[in-house]
Amino acid sequence: MLKQTQAETQPDNKEGKTISEPERESCPSNQPKSGNGPEEEDSLFQEAMAGVEPLQSNKVKERVPGPLSKPSRRPLLEGELEAYAQLVDLVSGEGSFDIEYTDEYIEGAVVGADPDLLPKLRRGDFSIQAHFDLHGMTAAEAREAVERFILSSVIKGLRCVLIIHGRGLNSRDQIPILKERMSSWLKRGRLKKMVLAFATAQPCDGGAGAMCVFLRKCQPEGIRFTD
């Protein structure tokens, strides 16, 4: 009698049945079935989804905020426009002058300047920090000298200076030419940007033969001027 091999006698299941070698070959393999290929799967999926409409998205679209609108400004009234223009001119050094004069006295101040400035200058409330005498000069020489003196004083940080122009007693027809020219020089050109106010000096400082000039502040760079 032939001996049974270990493969023939070893139980392969819970019931203890033995499976012969030919039976093993006829058993289903543990290898996965080949199934359909990727192309066939795609085709079947397309057929199954035919006629199906996609659901609308429930997502809320994010709203991008638009640019903020600038608040509307109340239009300036006529009086406010004039005051604003005067302020701009005062800061930029382009303001016009209010000038009053008589035969003996003359005074003026930039429009929009402190209303107390001119009365204080007229009374001699400010200390005179420097002075310059124009006696013996022609009008052309005097104008150039005044410009140099004013510019030098502003750069030094001086605020109140005295310019002695004389009464014109030694001029032809005894007309005070330099006195009349002074107000014109101070309110125009380069000097206009450096001067805030001017007034005939007190008797102790020369009276009708001299003029006190109040200057603007000079900023550190020495170019721009303020009140």
Protein backbone atom coordinates (compact mmCIF):
# COMPACT_ATOMS: atom_id res chain seq x y z
CA MET A 1 0.00 0.00 0.00
CA LEU A 2 1.23 3.49 -0.88
CA LYS A 3 1.67 6.06 1.84
CA GLN A 4 -0.43 9.20 1.63
CA THR A 5 1.54 12.35 1.11
CA GLN A 6 1.38 15.24 3.56
CA ALA A 7 -0.46 17.37 0.96
CA GLU A 8 -3.13 14.70 0.62
CA THR A 9 -3.71 14.25 4.33
CA GLN A 10 -3.43 17.91 5.49
CA PRO A 11 -6.89 19.40 6.11
CA ASP A 12 -7.63 22.56 4.06
CA ASN A 13 -10.90 23.50 5.69
CA LYS A 14 -12.77 23.32 8.92
CA GLU A 15 -14.64 20.13 7.97
CA GLY A 16 -11.44 18.19 7.70
CA LYS A 17 -11.87 17.22 4.04
CA THR A 18 -8.83 16.46 2.06
CA ILE A 19 -8.40 17.92 -1.38
CA SER A 20 -6.44 16.08 -3.96
CA GLU A 21 -3.99 17.81 -6.28
CA PRO A 22 -6.34 17.74 -9.28
CA GLU A 23 -9.09 19.30 -7.19
CA ARG A 24 -6.73 22.09 -6.15
CA GLU A 25 -6.15 22.96 -9.77
CA SER A 26 -9.89 23.18 -10.40
CA CYS A 27 -10.50 25.56 -7.43
CA PRO A 28 -11.02 29.22 -8.09
CA SER A 29 -7.79 31.18 -8.04
CA ASN A 30 -7.16 33.94 -5.49
CA GLN A 31 -5.95 36.23 -8.31
CA PRO A 32 -8.29 39.18 -9.00
CA LYS A 33 -10.53 38.99 -12.00
CA SER A 34 -9.44 40.87 -15.01
CA GLY A 35 -12.69 42.88 -15.15
CA ASN A 36 -13.29 45.70 -17.61
CA GLY A 37 -10.52 48.02 -18.77
CA PRO A 38 -10.35 51.76 -17.93
CA GLU A 39 -11.88 52.73 -21.28
CA GLU A 40 -14.86 50.43 -20.75
CA GLU A 41 -15.38 51.81 -17.23
CA ASP A 42 -15.44 55.36 -18.53
CA SER A 43 -17.93 54.39 -21.21
CA LEU A 44 -20.22 52.72 -18.71
CA PHE A 45 -20.02 55.74 -16.40
CA GLN A 46 -20.93 58.12 -19.20
CA GLU A 47 -23.91 55.96 -20.17
CA ALA A 48 -25.10 55.81 -16.57
CA MET A 49 -24.85 59.59 -16.15
CA ALA A 50 -26.57 60.41 -19.43
CA GLY A 51 -29.49 62.80 -18.89
CA VAL A 52 -28.47 63.69 -15.34
CA GLU A 53 -28.34 67.46 -14.70
CA PRO A 54 -25.79 68.76 -12.19
CA LEU A 55 -27.19 70.34 -9.05
CA GLN A 56 -26.75 74.09 -8.65
CA SER A 57 -24.09 75.08 -6.18
CA ASN A 58 -25.31 76.34 -2.82
CA LYS A 59 -22.13 78.35 -2.32
CA VAL A 60 -22.65 82.08 -1.87
CA LYS A 61 -20.50 84.15 -4.16
CA GLU A 62 -18.15 86.38 -2.24
CA ARG A 63 -18.83 90.01 -2.89
CA VAL A 64 -15.78 92.16 -3.39
CA PRO A 65 -16.37 95.56 -1.80
CA GLY A 66 -16.05 98.45 -4.22
CA PRO A 67 -14.02 101.58 -3.58
CA LEU A 68 -15.26 103.71 -0.72
CA SER A 69 -16.95 106.85 -1.87
CA LYS A 70 -15.52 110.07 -0.52
CA PRO A 71 -17.83 111.99 1.76
CA SER A 72 -19.32 114.95 0.05
CA ARG A 73 -18.07 118.29 1.29
CA ARG A 74 -20.19 121.32 1.80
CA PRO A 75 -19.26 123.95 -0.77
CA LEU A 76 -17.51 126.95 0.75
CA LEU A 77 -19.40 130.18 0.93
CA GLU A 78 -18.05 133.31 -0.71
CA GLY A 79 -16.70 134.73 2.54
CA GLU A 80 -15.07 131.40 3.42
CA LEU A 81 -13.45 131.17 -0.01
CA GLU A 82 -11.93 134.61 0.42
CA ALA A 83 -10.61 133.76 3.89
CA TYR A 84 -9.18 130.47 2.62
CA ALA A 85 -7.45 132.22 -0.29
CA GLN A 86 -5.94 134.76 2.09
CA LEU A 87 -4.65 131.97 4.33
CA VAL A 88 -3.04 130.17 1.38
CA ASP A 89 -1.39 133.40 0.24
CA LEU A 90 -0.17 134.13 3.76
CA VAL A 91 1.47 130.71 4.13
CA SER A 92 3.00 130.76 0.64
CA GLY A 93 4.27 134.34 0.96
CA GLU A 94 2.14 135.58 -1.92
CA GLY A 95 -0.42 137.58 0.06
CA SER A 96 -1.32 141.13 -0.86
CA PHE A 97 -0.86 144.07 1.54
CA ASP A 98 -3.35 146.41 3.12
CA ILE A 99 -1.60 149.79 3.16
CA GLU A 100 -2.56 153.06 4.81
CA TYR A 101 -0.56 156.26 4.59
CA THR A 102 -0.65 159.98 5.17
CA ASP A 103 1.88 162.69 4.43
CA GLU A 104 3.93 161.66 7.45
CA TYR A 105 3.06 158.07 8.27
CA ILE A 106 2.80 154.86 6.29
CA GLU A 107 1.96 151.32 7.37
CA GLY A 108 0.87 148.03 5.85
CA ALA A 109 0.39 144.34 6.63
CA VAL A 110 -0.22 141.15 4.70
CA VAL A 111 -3.92 140.41 4.28
CA GLY A 112 -4.84 137.68 6.77
CA ALA A 113 -2.05 138.44 9.24
CA ASP A 114 -2.70 138.62 12.98
CA PRO A 115 -4.85 141.75 13.48
CA ASP A 116 -2.83 142.66 16.58
CA LEU A 117 0.45 142.66 14.67
CA LEU A 118 0.25 146.07 13.02
CA PRO A 119 -0.97 147.98 16.12
CA LYS A 120 1.89 146.48 18.14
CA LEU A 121 4.40 147.42 15.45
CA ARG A 122 2.98 150.94 15.26
CA ARG A 123 3.27 151.41 19.04
CA GLY A 124 6.84 150.16 19.10
CA ASP A 125 6.06 147.07 21.19
CA PHE A 126 8.70 144.99 19.40
CA SER A 127 12.39 145.38 20.15
CA ILE A 128 14.43 146.53 17.16
CA GLN A 129 17.07 143.89 16.49
CA ALA A 130 18.99 145.57 13.64
CA HIS A 131 18.92 148.79 11.61
CA PHE A 132 20.17 150.06 8.25
CA ASP A 133 20.68 153.65 7.05
CA LEU A 134 19.97 154.56 3.41
CA HIS A 135 21.17 158.18 3.55
CA GLY A 136 23.29 159.22 0.56
CA MET A 137 22.10 156.38 -1.71
CA THR A 138 20.29 156.63 -5.01
CA ALA A 139 16.98 154.81 -5.41
CA ALA A 140 18.64 151.93 -7.27
CA GLU A 141 21.39 151.59 -4.67
CA ALA A 142 18.89 151.80 -1.82
CA ARG A 143 16.66 149.08 -3.25
CA GLU A 144 19.56 146.66 -3.62
CA ALA A 145 20.79 147.49 -0.12
CA VAL A 146 17.31 146.97 1.38
CA GLU A 147 17.01 143.54 -0.26
CA ARG A 148 20.40 142.45 1.07
CA PHE A 149 19.64 143.75 4.55
CA ILE A 150 16.19 142.11 4.74
CA LEU A 151 17.46 138.78 3.42
CA SER A 152 20.40 138.78 5.82
CA SER A 153 18.09 139.60 8.75
CA VAL A 154 15.67 136.80 7.88
CA ILE A 155 18.47 134.25 7.62
CA LYS A 156 19.73 135.34 11.04
CA GLY A 157 16.26 134.76 12.49
CA LEU A 158 15.54 138.44 13.23
CA ARG A 159 11.90 139.52 13.37
CA CYS A 160 11.86 143.32 13.79
CA VAL A 161 14.33 145.63 12.00
CA LEU A 162 14.56 149.37 11.36
CA ILE A 163 15.32 150.97 7.99
CA ILE A 164 16.23 154.67 8.01
CA HIS A 165 15.15 156.20 4.70
CA GLY A 166 15.21 159.88 5.72
CA ARG A 167 12.67 162.65 5.22
CA GLY A 168 13.97 163.77 1.84
CA LEU A 169 15.01 167.21 3.10
CA ASN A 170 18.21 167.10 1.04
CA SER A 171 16.60 165.77 -2.16
CA ARG A 172 15.34 167.82 -5.09
CA ASP A 173 12.10 169.60 -4.18
CA GLN A 174 12.50 168.01 -0.74
CA ILE A 175 10.40 165.03 -1.82
CA PRO A 176 11.05 161.88 0.28
CA ILE A 177 11.70 159.62 -2.69
CA LEU A 178 13.07 156.68 -0.70
CA LYS A 179 10.18 156.84 1.74
CA GLU A 180 7.69 156.54 -1.10
CA ARG A 181 9.64 153.74 -2.72
CA MET A 182 10.01 151.73 0.48
CA SER A 183 6.39 150.52 0.67
CA SER A 184 6.52 149.57 -3.00
CA TRP A 185 9.69 147.52 -2.52
CA LEU A 186 8.45 145.72 0.59
CA LYS A 187 5.19 144.52 -0.95
CA ARG A 188 6.63 143.22 -4.24
CA GLY A 189 9.13 140.72 -5.60
CA ARG A 190 11.48 138.89 -3.28
CA LEU A 191 10.83 141.13 -0.29
CA LYS A 192 7.11 140.37 -0.43
CA LYS A 193 7.85 136.80 0.65
CA MET A 194 9.92 137.92 3.63
CA VAL A 195 7.82 140.74 5.11
CA LEU A 196 4.67 140.49 7.21
CA ALA A 197 4.14 144.15 8.16
CA PHE A 198 5.78 147.57 8.24
CA ALA A 199 4.99 150.90 9.91
CA THR A 200 6.49 154.35 10.41
CA ALA A 201 8.81 154.26 13.42
CA GLN A 202 8.22 155.88 16.78
CA PRO A 203 9.74 159.38 17.23
CA CYS A 204 12.50 157.94 19.40
CA ASP A 205 13.48 155.57 16.57
CA GLY A 206 13.45 158.12 13.76
CA GLY A 207 9.76 158.94 13.38
CA ALA A 208 8.68 159.77 9.81
CA GLY A 209 12.26 159.31 8.60
CA ALA A 210 12.41 155.58 9.42
CA MET A 211 10.34 152.43 9.10
CA CYS A 212 9.97 149.39 11.34
CA VAL A 213 9.67 146.14 9.38
CA PHE A 214 8.36 142.88 10.85
CA LEU A 215 9.78 139.81 9.10
CA ARG A 216 8.59 136.28 8.56
CA LYS A 217 10.21 133.29 10.23
CA CYS A 218 12.79 131.50 8.16
CA GLN A 219 12.64 127.69 8.09
CA PRO A 220 15.89 125.73 8.61
CA GLU A 221 16.60 125.26 4.92
CA GLY A 222 16.54 129.04 4.50
CA ILE A 223 14.21 128.92 1.51
CA ARG A 224 10.61 128.93 2.68
CA PHE A 225 9.12 131.53 4.99
CA THR A 226 6.23 131.41 7.46
CA ASP A 227 4.40 133.92 9.61
